[in-house]
Amino acid sequence: ATSREAVLDFAASALGTSAPRAVTTLVHGREPRRYVVAADGVARIGGDAVVACHPMPYLYEVYYCHRPADAVALRVDLHAVADVGLGGATAVAVCHVNTTTWDSAYFELLKASRGDAICHYMPQGYVLWLAN
């Protein structure tokens, strides 16, 4: 997508809604080097479908957007480790719950087994779209 309007149009179409909700990772205060997940800091957000949009390295704003199959979104509250005065973050994560068809190289790299749920954070600047 080469415009924010195109991103919104794709997300709305892929999610089957006229008003998808955008969520992003937010860093509060200065960005520390390490975080820990807050107690009770993980919550599922959205429904059973997500659209992820990743910024691409071009001279103008371009996003690669896709709707991964069998993925759910999480909100993860993070606190800075050891650095008093630094803020935390409210991170958005995506969990791919069905990895049975993934290439075995992923599981070797992550020390996981085929079929395990694989989750990852969405960095700042990435946008995750939800149907609600």
N, C-alpha and C. Protein backbone atom coordinates (compact mmCIF):
# COMPACT_ATOMS: atom_id res chain seq x y z
N ALA A 1 0.85 -1.18 0.00
CA ALA A 1 0.00 0.00 0.00
C ALA A 1 0.89 1.23 0.00
N THR A 2 0.54 2.20 -0.82
CA THR A 2 1.36 3.40 -0.94
C THR A 2 0.70 4.64 -0.34
N SER A 3 -0.38 4.45 0.40
CA SER A 3 -1.01 5.56 1.11
C SER A 3 -1.74 5.00 2.32
N ARG A 4 -2.00 5.87 3.27
CA ARG A 4 -2.74 5.44 4.47
C ARG A 4 -4.18 5.04 4.09
N GLU A 5 -4.73 5.69 3.07
CA GLU A 5 -6.07 5.33 2.61
C GLU A 5 -6.08 3.91 2.04
N ALA A 6 -5.04 3.56 1.29
CA ALA A 6 -4.95 2.21 0.73
C ALA A 6 -4.78 1.16 1.83
N VAL A 7 -4.02 1.50 2.86
CA VAL A 7 -3.85 0.59 4.01
C VAL A 7 -5.21 0.35 4.66
N LEU A 8 -5.93 1.42 4.93
CA LEU A 8 -7.25 1.32 5.56
C LEU A 8 -8.22 0.53 4.69
N ASP A 9 -8.23 0.79 3.40
CA ASP A 9 -9.11 0.06 2.48
C ASP A 9 -8.80 -1.44 2.49
N PHE A 10 -7.50 -1.79 2.45
CA PHE A 10 -7.13 -3.20 2.47
C PHE A 10 -7.55 -3.86 3.77
N ALA A 11 -7.27 -3.20 4.90
CA ALA A 11 -7.62 -3.77 6.21
C ALA A 11 -9.13 -3.97 6.32
N ALA A 12 -9.90 -2.98 5.90
CA ALA A 12 -11.37 -3.09 5.97
C ALA A 12 -11.87 -4.24 5.12
N SER A 13 -11.35 -4.37 3.91
CA SER A 13 -11.77 -5.45 3.02
C SER A 13 -11.37 -6.82 3.56
N ALA A 14 -10.13 -6.95 4.01
CA ALA A 14 -9.63 -8.25 4.49
C ALA A 14 -10.33 -8.69 5.76
N LEU A 15 -10.74 -7.72 6.60
CA LEU A 15 -11.40 -8.06 7.86
C LEU A 15 -12.92 -8.07 7.75
N GLY A 16 -13.46 -7.62 6.62
CA GLY A 16 -14.90 -7.63 6.43
C GLY A 16 -15.63 -6.62 7.31
N THR A 17 -15.03 -5.46 7.51
CA THR A 17 -15.65 -4.42 8.33
C THR A 17 -15.40 -3.07 7.69
N SER A 18 -16.29 -2.12 7.93
CA SER A 18 -16.10 -0.79 7.36
C SER A 18 -15.24 0.10 8.25
N ALA A 19 -15.01 -0.33 9.49
CA ALA A 19 -14.27 0.51 10.43
C ALA A 19 -13.29 -0.31 11.26
N PRO A 20 -12.20 -0.79 10.64
CA PRO A 20 -11.23 -1.54 11.43
C PRO A 20 -10.53 -0.62 12.44
N ARG A 21 -10.04 -1.23 13.51
CA ARG A 21 -9.34 -0.49 14.57
C ARG A 21 -7.84 -0.73 14.46
N ALA A 22 -7.07 0.36 14.46
CA ALA A 22 -5.61 0.26 14.37
C ALA A 22 -5.02 0.23 15.77
N VAL A 23 -4.05 -0.67 15.99
CA VAL A 23 -3.31 -0.71 17.25
C VAL A 23 -1.82 -0.75 16.91
N THR A 24 -1.03 -0.09 17.75
CA THR A 24 0.41 -0.02 17.55
C THR A 24 1.12 -0.18 18.89
N THR A 25 2.39 -0.46 18.84
CA THR A 25 3.22 -0.52 20.04
C THR A 25 3.61 0.90 20.44
N LEU A 26 3.46 1.19 21.72
CA LEU A 26 3.79 2.52 22.25
C LEU A 26 4.85 2.40 23.34
N VAL A 27 5.89 3.20 23.25
CA VAL A 27 6.92 3.26 24.29
C VAL A 27 6.62 4.48 25.15
N HIS A 28 6.60 4.29 26.48
CA HIS A 28 6.30 5.37 27.42
C HIS A 28 7.61 5.87 28.02
N GLY A 29 7.94 7.11 27.78
CA GLY A 29 9.20 7.65 28.30
C GLY A 29 10.36 7.25 27.41
N ARG A 30 11.56 7.27 27.97
CA ARG A 30 12.75 6.85 27.22
C ARG A 30 12.73 5.34 27.05
N GLU A 31 13.27 4.89 25.94
CA GLU A 31 13.27 3.46 25.63
C GLU A 31 14.43 2.76 26.34
N PRO A 32 14.13 1.86 27.29
CA PRO A 32 15.20 1.12 27.97
C PRO A 32 15.75 0.00 27.08
N ARG A 33 16.81 -0.60 27.52
CA ARG A 33 17.40 -1.70 26.76
C ARG A 33 16.66 -3.01 26.97
N ARG A 34 16.09 -3.19 28.17
CA ARG A 34 15.41 -4.46 28.45
C ARG A 34 14.08 -4.21 29.16
N TYR A 35 13.13 -5.11 28.88
CA TYR A 35 11.81 -5.05 29.50
C TYR A 35 11.49 -6.38 30.16
N VAL A 36 10.52 -6.34 31.09
CA VAL A 36 9.90 -7.55 31.60
C VAL A 36 8.40 -7.38 31.43
N VAL A 37 7.70 -8.48 31.26
CA VAL A 37 6.25 -8.44 31.14
C VAL A 37 5.66 -8.18 32.53
N ALA A 38 4.76 -7.23 32.62
CA ALA A 38 4.11 -6.88 33.88
C ALA A 38 3.25 -8.04 34.37
N ALA A 39 3.05 -8.11 35.68
CA ALA A 39 2.15 -9.11 36.24
C ALA A 39 0.77 -8.89 35.63
N ASP A 40 0.14 -9.95 35.19
CA ASP A 40 -1.16 -9.87 34.51
C ASP A 40 -1.10 -8.90 33.33
N GLY A 41 0.04 -8.85 32.64
CA GLY A 41 0.25 -7.87 31.59
C GLY A 41 -0.04 -8.33 30.19
N VAL A 42 -0.68 -9.51 30.03
CA VAL A 42 -0.97 -10.01 28.69
C VAL A 42 -2.48 -10.18 28.55
N ALA A 43 -3.05 -9.59 27.50
CA ALA A 43 -4.49 -9.72 27.25
C ALA A 43 -4.72 -9.85 25.75
N ARG A 44 -5.63 -10.73 25.40
CA ARG A 44 -6.01 -10.86 23.99
C ARG A 44 -6.86 -9.66 23.59
N ILE A 45 -6.62 -9.16 22.40
CA ILE A 45 -7.41 -8.05 21.88
C ILE A 45 -7.94 -8.45 20.50
N GLY A 46 -9.07 -7.90 20.14
CA GLY A 46 -9.61 -8.20 18.82
C GLY A 46 -10.25 -9.57 18.75
N GLY A 47 -10.62 -9.94 17.54
CA GLY A 47 -11.27 -11.22 17.31
C GLY A 47 -10.30 -12.25 16.76
N ASP A 48 -10.79 -13.05 15.82
CA ASP A 48 -9.99 -14.14 15.27
C ASP A 48 -9.26 -13.78 13.99
N ALA A 49 -9.24 -12.51 13.63
CA ALA A 49 -8.57 -12.12 12.40
C ALA A 49 -7.83 -10.81 12.63
N VAL A 50 -6.65 -10.71 12.04
CA VAL A 50 -5.84 -9.50 12.12
C VAL A 50 -5.25 -9.20 10.74
N VAL A 51 -4.96 -7.94 10.51
CA VAL A 51 -4.20 -7.52 9.34
C VAL A 51 -2.96 -6.80 9.86
N ALA A 52 -1.80 -7.26 9.45
CA ALA A 52 -0.54 -6.64 9.86
C ALA A 52 0.00 -5.81 8.71
N CYS A 53 0.47 -4.60 9.03
CA CYS A 53 1.07 -3.73 8.01
C CYS A 53 2.47 -3.34 8.47
N HIS A 54 3.45 -3.70 7.65
CA HIS A 54 4.85 -3.46 7.94
C HIS A 54 5.38 -2.36 7.03
N PRO A 55 6.04 -1.33 7.60
CA PRO A 55 6.64 -0.30 6.73
C PRO A 55 7.79 -0.90 5.93
N MET A 56 7.90 -0.46 4.69
CA MET A 56 8.95 -0.96 3.80
C MET A 56 9.97 0.16 3.55
N PRO A 57 11.21 -0.22 3.29
CA PRO A 57 12.28 0.80 3.11
C PRO A 57 12.29 1.41 1.70
N TYR A 58 11.40 2.36 1.49
CA TYR A 58 11.35 3.09 0.22
C TYR A 58 11.51 4.58 0.50
N LEU A 59 11.63 5.37 -0.54
CA LEU A 59 11.80 6.80 -0.38
C LEU A 59 10.52 7.49 0.08
N TYR A 60 9.39 6.83 -0.10
CA TYR A 60 8.10 7.37 0.34
C TYR A 60 7.39 6.29 1.14
N GLU A 61 6.27 6.66 1.76
CA GLU A 61 5.57 5.75 2.65
C GLU A 61 4.96 4.58 1.89
N VAL A 62 5.44 3.38 2.19
CA VAL A 62 4.94 2.15 1.59
C VAL A 62 4.80 1.10 2.69
N TYR A 63 3.68 0.41 2.71
CA TYR A 63 3.45 -0.65 3.68
C TYR A 63 3.17 -1.97 2.97
N TYR A 64 3.70 -3.04 3.53
CA TYR A 64 3.33 -4.39 3.10
C TYR A 64 2.28 -4.85 4.09
N CYS A 65 1.07 -5.09 3.63
CA CYS A 65 -0.03 -5.51 4.50
C CYS A 65 -0.48 -6.91 4.11
N HIS A 66 -0.80 -7.69 5.12
CA HIS A 66 -1.28 -9.05 4.86
C HIS A 66 -2.15 -9.51 6.02
N ARG A 67 -2.98 -10.50 5.74
CA ARG A 67 -3.83 -11.10 6.77
C ARG A 67 -3.34 -12.52 7.01
N PRO A 68 -2.52 -12.72 8.05
CA PRO A 68 -2.03 -14.08 8.31
C PRO A 68 -3.17 -14.98 8.78
N ALA A 69 -3.14 -16.22 8.34
CA ALA A 69 -4.16 -17.19 8.76
C ALA A 69 -3.89 -17.62 10.20
N ASP A 70 -4.93 -17.89 10.92
CA ASP A 70 -4.82 -18.44 12.28
C ASP A 70 -3.92 -17.61 13.18
N ALA A 71 -4.16 -16.31 13.23
CA ALA A 71 -3.36 -15.42 14.07
C ALA A 71 -4.28 -14.63 14.99
N VAL A 72 -3.81 -14.38 16.20
CA VAL A 72 -4.55 -13.57 17.17
C VAL A 72 -3.64 -12.47 17.68
N ALA A 73 -4.24 -11.40 18.19
CA ALA A 73 -3.48 -10.25 18.68
C ALA A 73 -3.51 -10.21 20.20
N LEU A 74 -2.40 -9.76 20.77
CA LEU A 74 -2.28 -9.58 22.22
C LEU A 74 -1.79 -8.18 22.52
N ARG A 75 -2.21 -7.65 23.67
CA ARG A 75 -1.64 -6.43 24.23
C ARG A 75 -0.75 -6.89 25.38
N VAL A 76 0.50 -6.42 25.39
CA VAL A 76 1.45 -6.83 26.41
C VAL A 76 1.99 -5.58 27.10
N ASP A 77 1.76 -5.48 28.41
CA ASP A 77 2.28 -4.36 29.19
C ASP A 77 3.68 -4.73 29.67
N LEU A 78 4.64 -3.85 29.37
CA LEU A 78 6.05 -4.10 29.69
C LEU A 78 6.58 -3.02 30.63
N HIS A 79 7.47 -3.43 31.54
CA HIS A 79 8.15 -2.50 32.44
C HIS A 79 9.64 -2.54 32.16
N ALA A 80 10.29 -1.39 32.32
CA ALA A 80 11.74 -1.31 32.15
C ALA A 80 12.43 -2.11 33.25
N VAL A 81 13.54 -2.75 32.91
CA VAL A 81 14.32 -3.51 33.88
C VAL A 81 15.43 -2.63 34.43
N ALA A 82 15.50 -2.50 35.73
CA ALA A 82 16.62 -1.93 36.47
C ALA A 82 16.86 -0.44 36.27
N ASP A 83 16.35 0.18 35.25
CA ASP A 83 16.62 1.59 35.00
C ASP A 83 15.50 2.44 35.56
N VAL A 84 15.69 2.94 36.78
CA VAL A 84 14.68 3.77 37.41
C VAL A 84 14.49 5.04 36.59
N GLY A 85 13.27 5.45 36.42
CA GLY A 85 12.98 6.67 35.68
C GLY A 85 12.65 6.43 34.22
N LEU A 86 12.96 5.24 33.72
CA LEU A 86 12.58 4.94 32.34
C LEU A 86 11.16 4.43 32.33
N GLY A 87 10.46 4.68 31.25
CA GLY A 87 9.10 4.20 31.13
C GLY A 87 9.05 2.77 30.68
N GLY A 88 7.87 2.30 30.48
CA GLY A 88 7.66 0.96 29.96
C GLY A 88 7.14 1.04 28.55
N ALA A 89 6.35 0.06 28.19
CA ALA A 89 5.76 0.04 26.85
C ALA A 89 4.45 -0.72 26.90
N THR A 90 3.58 -0.38 25.99
CA THR A 90 2.38 -1.16 25.73
C THR A 90 2.60 -1.73 24.33
N ALA A 91 2.92 -3.00 24.29
CA ALA A 91 3.30 -3.63 23.03
C ALA A 91 2.13 -4.40 22.45
N VAL A 92 2.15 -4.48 21.13
CA VAL A 92 1.19 -5.31 20.41
C VAL A 92 1.96 -6.53 19.93
N ALA A 93 1.39 -7.70 20.14
CA ALA A 93 2.02 -8.94 19.69
C ALA A 93 1.04 -9.73 18.84
N VAL A 94 1.58 -10.52 17.94
CA VAL A 94 0.78 -11.42 17.10
C VAL A 94 1.21 -12.84 17.40
N CYS A 95 0.24 -13.70 17.62
CA CYS A 95 0.52 -15.12 17.82
C CYS A 95 -0.06 -15.91 16.65
N HIS A 96 0.82 -16.65 16.00
CA HIS A 96 0.41 -17.55 14.92
C HIS A 96 0.11 -18.88 15.60
N VAL A 97 -1.18 -19.21 15.71
CA VAL A 97 -1.58 -20.37 16.52
C VAL A 97 -1.52 -21.69 15.77
N ASN A 98 -1.47 -21.67 14.46
CA ASN A 98 -1.36 -22.90 13.68
C ASN A 98 -0.12 -22.81 12.81
N THR A 99 0.94 -23.48 13.22
CA THR A 99 2.20 -23.44 12.49
C THR A 99 2.54 -24.78 11.86
N THR A 100 1.54 -25.62 11.66
CA THR A 100 1.79 -26.98 11.16
C THR A 100 2.37 -27.00 9.76
N THR A 101 2.15 -25.93 8.97
CA THR A 101 2.66 -25.93 7.59
C THR A 101 3.93 -25.09 7.43
N TRP A 102 4.46 -24.55 8.50
CA TRP A 102 5.64 -23.69 8.43
C TRP A 102 6.88 -24.50 8.09
N ASP A 103 7.84 -23.84 7.48
CA ASP A 103 9.13 -24.44 7.15
C ASP A 103 9.85 -24.84 8.44
N SER A 104 10.48 -26.00 8.46
CA SER A 104 11.15 -26.51 9.66
C SER A 104 12.28 -25.60 10.13
N ALA A 105 12.83 -24.78 9.26
CA ALA A 105 13.92 -23.88 9.65
C ALA A 105 13.48 -22.91 10.75
N TYR A 106 12.21 -22.49 10.74
CA TYR A 106 11.72 -21.60 11.78
C TYR A 106 11.80 -22.26 13.15
N PHE A 107 11.43 -23.52 13.22
CA PHE A 107 11.40 -24.21 14.50
C PHE A 107 12.82 -24.46 15.03
N GLU A 108 13.74 -24.74 14.13
CA GLU A 108 15.14 -24.89 14.54
C GLU A 108 15.67 -23.58 15.10
N LEU A 109 15.40 -22.49 14.41
CA LEU A 109 15.86 -21.17 14.84
C LEU A 109 15.28 -20.79 16.20
N LEU A 110 14.00 -21.07 16.40
CA LEU A 110 13.30 -20.67 17.62
C LEU A 110 13.31 -21.74 18.71
N LYS A 111 13.91 -22.88 18.43
CA LYS A 111 13.93 -24.00 19.37
C LYS A 111 12.50 -24.35 19.80
N ALA A 112 11.65 -24.51 18.81
CA ALA A 112 10.25 -24.84 19.01
C ALA A 112 9.92 -26.09 18.21
N SER A 113 8.71 -26.56 18.35
CA SER A 113 8.26 -27.74 17.64
C SER A 113 7.14 -27.38 16.67
N ARG A 114 7.07 -28.12 15.58
CA ARG A 114 6.02 -27.90 14.59
C ARG A 114 4.66 -27.94 15.30
N GLY A 115 3.85 -26.95 15.01
CA GLY A 115 2.52 -26.87 15.62
C GLY A 115 2.47 -25.96 16.83
N ASP A 116 3.63 -25.65 17.45
CA ASP A 116 3.64 -24.72 18.58
C ASP A 116 3.17 -23.34 18.11
N ALA A 117 2.48 -22.62 18.97
CA ALA A 117 2.14 -21.23 18.66
C ALA A 117 3.43 -20.41 18.67
N ILE A 118 3.58 -19.54 17.70
CA ILE A 118 4.75 -18.67 17.60
C ILE A 118 4.25 -17.23 17.71
N CYS A 119 4.77 -16.49 18.69
CA CYS A 119 4.33 -15.12 18.92
C CYS A 119 5.51 -14.17 18.73
N HIS A 120 5.20 -12.96 18.27
CA HIS A 120 6.24 -11.94 18.12
C HIS A 120 5.63 -10.57 18.31
N TYR A 121 6.47 -9.65 18.78
CA TYR A 121 6.04 -8.27 18.96
C TYR A 121 6.00 -7.55 17.63
N MET A 122 5.12 -6.56 17.55
CA MET A 122 5.06 -5.65 16.41
C MET A 122 5.89 -4.42 16.81
N PRO A 123 6.99 -4.15 16.11
CA PRO A 123 7.82 -2.99 16.45
C PRO A 123 7.07 -1.67 16.26
N GLN A 124 7.62 -0.62 16.83
CA GLN A 124 7.05 0.71 16.61
C GLN A 124 7.06 0.98 15.11
N GLY A 125 6.02 1.64 14.63
CA GLY A 125 5.91 1.96 13.21
C GLY A 125 5.11 0.93 12.43
N TYR A 126 4.91 -0.26 13.01
CA TYR A 126 4.07 -1.27 12.38
C TYR A 126 2.65 -1.05 12.87
N VAL A 127 1.66 -1.42 12.08
CA VAL A 127 0.26 -1.23 12.45
C VAL A 127 -0.45 -2.58 12.36
N LEU A 128 -1.21 -2.90 13.40
CA LEU A 128 -2.03 -4.10 13.40
C LEU A 128 -3.49 -3.64 13.38
N TRP A 129 -4.25 -4.18 12.45
CA TRP A 129 -5.65 -3.81 12.30
C TRP A 129 -6.53 -4.93 12.83
N LEU A 130 -7.57 -4.55 13.58
CA LEU A 130 -8.51 -5.50 14.17
C LEU A 130 -9.92 -5.17 13.69
N ALA A 131 -10.78 -6.19 13.67
CA ALA A 131 -12.15 -5.97 13.20
C ALA A 131 -13.00 -5.25 14.23
N ASN A 132 -12.58 -5.23 15.45
CA ASN A 132 -13.37 -4.52 16.47
C ASN A 132 -12.51 -3.70 17.37
